[in-house]
Amino acid sequence: MKTASFSALVLPLVLALSGAVASGAASAADFELALVIKDHRFEPSEPVVPANQRVRLTVHNQDSTPEEFESKALGREKIIPAKAKAVIFVGPLKPGRYTFVGEFHEDTAQGVLVVQ
């Protein structure tokens, strides 16, 4: 009896936790986009992604200083250390243009996510 009641309590908890972990990972349906920060500029500076689909941005900061990816339009900000990568999920998004900047070098690190 104790085993059955223990299993009845533990199994739903394990399933709930595994679902929470899986929801944070990239799904096969995510569109993947690689952005590079080099010389305090984003490359590409105007990437195009599909509308109505979640996007997995992998930002690789190749500079020797940290940068902060910031987009008020996307509701995201993330510090990316020097010579490091960060993953940022956005969307699904409606068609349009969503600006982003490198907050530590706003004069040069600018971009627009074009959603079509």
Protein backbone atom coordinates (compact mmCIF):
# COMPACT_ATOMS: atom_id res chain seq x y z
CA MET A 1 0.00 0.00 0.00
CA LYS A 2 2.75 2.45 0.87
CA THR A 3 4.41 1.83 -2.51
CA ALA A 4 1.22 2.51 -4.43
CA SER A 5 0.48 5.74 -2.59
CA PHE A 6 4.11 6.86 -2.85
CA SER A 7 4.05 6.22 -6.63
CA ALA A 8 0.75 8.04 -6.94
CA LEU A 9 2.34 11.13 -5.36
CA VAL A 10 5.77 10.97 -6.98
CA LEU A 11 4.82 10.17 -10.58
CA PRO A 12 2.79 13.38 -11.18
CA LEU A 13 5.58 15.43 -9.60
CA VAL A 14 8.23 13.83 -11.83
CA LEU A 15 6.09 14.41 -14.93
CA ALA A 16 5.45 18.03 -14.01
CA LEU A 17 9.15 18.70 -13.43
CA SER A 18 10.19 17.01 -16.66
CA GLY A 19 7.64 19.13 -18.56
CA ALA A 20 9.00 22.30 -16.97
CA VAL A 21 12.55 21.40 -17.96
CA ALA A 22 11.52 20.48 -21.50
CA SER A 23 9.62 23.73 -22.02
CA GLY A 24 12.82 25.71 -21.42
CA ALA A 25 14.74 23.82 -24.09
CA ALA A 26 14.64 24.58 -27.79
CA SER A 27 11.95 22.65 -29.59
CA ALA A 28 12.33 21.18 -33.06
CA ALA A 29 9.93 23.86 -34.33
CA ASP A 30 12.07 26.79 -33.12
CA PHE A 31 13.71 28.91 -35.80
CA GLU A 32 17.40 29.28 -34.98
CA LEU A 33 19.33 32.46 -35.65
CA ALA A 34 23.00 33.13 -34.96
CA LEU A 35 24.07 36.72 -34.24
CA VAL A 36 27.70 37.75 -33.80
CA ILE A 37 28.99 40.79 -31.95
CA LYS A 38 32.30 41.80 -33.49
CA ASP A 39 33.99 45.20 -33.25
CA HIS A 40 30.94 46.35 -31.24
CA ARG A 41 28.58 45.65 -34.15
CA PHE A 42 25.94 43.00 -34.75
CA GLU A 43 26.36 40.67 -37.73
CA PRO A 44 23.95 40.37 -39.44
CA SER A 45 22.49 43.73 -38.46
CA GLU A 46 19.08 43.03 -40.05
CA PRO A 47 18.38 39.30 -39.81
CA VAL A 48 15.09 38.01 -41.20
CA VAL A 49 13.02 35.45 -39.27
CA PRO A 50 9.61 33.88 -39.88
CA ALA A 51 6.46 35.32 -38.33
CA ASN A 52 4.39 33.36 -35.81
CA GLN A 53 7.26 31.10 -34.80
CA ARG A 54 9.42 31.09 -31.68
CA VAL A 55 13.01 32.13 -32.40
CA ARG A 56 16.14 30.92 -30.64
CA LEU A 57 18.79 33.64 -30.90
CA THR A 58 22.33 32.51 -30.19
CA VAL A 59 24.44 35.63 -29.67
CA HIS A 60 28.21 35.13 -29.82
CA ASN A 61 30.19 38.03 -28.42
CA GLN A 62 33.57 37.84 -30.13
CA ASP A 63 34.77 41.11 -28.59
CA SER A 64 37.15 41.33 -25.65
CA THR A 65 34.59 43.27 -23.58
CA PRO A 66 31.10 42.32 -22.38
CA GLU A 67 27.99 43.55 -24.18
CA GLU A 68 24.36 43.77 -23.18
CA PHE A 69 21.81 42.67 -25.78
CA GLU A 70 18.79 44.88 -25.19
CA SER A 71 15.50 45.19 -27.02
CA LYS A 72 12.55 47.04 -25.58
CA ALA A 73 10.53 45.94 -28.63
CA LEU A 74 11.23 42.28 -27.83
CA GLY A 75 11.19 42.71 -24.06
CA ARG A 76 14.63 41.16 -23.64
CA GLU A 77 17.98 42.13 -22.15
CA LYS A 78 20.95 39.92 -21.42
CA ILE A 79 24.58 40.55 -20.62
CA ILE A 80 26.95 38.51 -22.76
CA PRO A 81 30.48 38.24 -21.37
CA ALA A 82 33.50 38.73 -23.62
CA LYS A 83 34.24 35.76 -25.88
CA ALA A 84 31.03 34.03 -24.75
CA LYS A 85 27.68 32.96 -26.17
CA ALA A 86 24.15 33.43 -24.87
CA VAL A 87 20.80 32.04 -25.97
CA ILE A 88 17.75 34.31 -26.02
CA PHE A 89 14.27 33.07 -26.94
CA VAL A 90 11.75 35.46 -28.52
CA GLY A 91 8.33 35.12 -30.09
CA PRO A 92 6.26 33.96 -31.69
CA LEU A 93 6.22 37.42 -33.28
CA LYS A 94 3.88 39.24 -35.62
CA PRO A 95 5.34 40.60 -38.88
CA GLY A 96 7.27 43.82 -38.31
CA ARG A 97 10.62 45.30 -37.38
CA TYR A 98 11.95 44.88 -33.83
CA THR A 99 15.00 46.96 -32.91
CA PHE A 100 17.82 45.79 -30.64
CA VAL A 101 21.08 47.32 -29.44
CA GLY A 102 24.24 46.51 -27.58
CA GLU A 103 23.59 48.80 -24.65
CA PHE A 104 27.29 49.21 -23.80
CA HIS A 105 28.05 50.44 -27.37
CA GLU A 106 24.74 51.85 -28.61
CA ASP A 107 26.46 54.11 -31.14
CA THR A 108 27.65 51.12 -33.21
CA ALA A 109 25.92 47.97 -31.91
CA GLN A 110 22.49 48.36 -33.49
CA GLY A 111 20.19 45.99 -35.29
CA VAL A 112 16.67 45.21 -36.41
CA LEU A 113 14.98 41.81 -36.29
CA VAL A 114 12.86 41.70 -39.46
CA VAL A 115 9.88 39.39 -39.01
CA GLN A 116 8.09 38.27 -42.20
